[in-house]
């Protein structure tokens, strides 16, 4: 089993097509693909070992996500986080606190609703199972970039699989910090 890490970007602004392409590069059905937004960054160097702890402890998981410094969904931001703090040192400290408190691989939250896709990790076999439904929903709703993560997480839940939040893993998510979360100029 391997974990493949990708930061997909689509010059055509077709994020689902790009995710599908990268998933095609994952060789084995039991391998995992970890997709992160291009404006995210792990601040602990041991993130790979920590993620490995989760996938080996919870291999039946449909979709993993993690905490972020900024997110539209409160469930994906730790209560102790000030989303407006620009200090990378501050966010490294948050990552260290969560790592210490939740011991990677040990504690998760099950999320029963759609998630933001700053980090989504799923097995290739899971992708192949949900792929037709995701493509159908995304095309039906005419989504190209925003909303693809929503459709993936909704399809995971509709398929009876669960979404797990890895509570010991935290990443910095720029999420239009200077521009404002509501700014969508990057979509033009």
Foldseek 3Di string as FASTA:
>chain_A
DEEAEDAFDDPVLFRLVRVVVVLVVDDDQLYKYKYAHPQKDFPDPCVVVLVVLQCVLCVQAAKEDEAELDDPDPVRHDPVHDSLDPDPVVQVVVLVVQCVPQVRNRDKDWDLAQGDPNIMMGGSNSCVVQVVQLVVVCVVVVHRHPPSSRSSQVSCVVVVGIYIYGRNGYMYGCCCSVPDNPDDPVSD
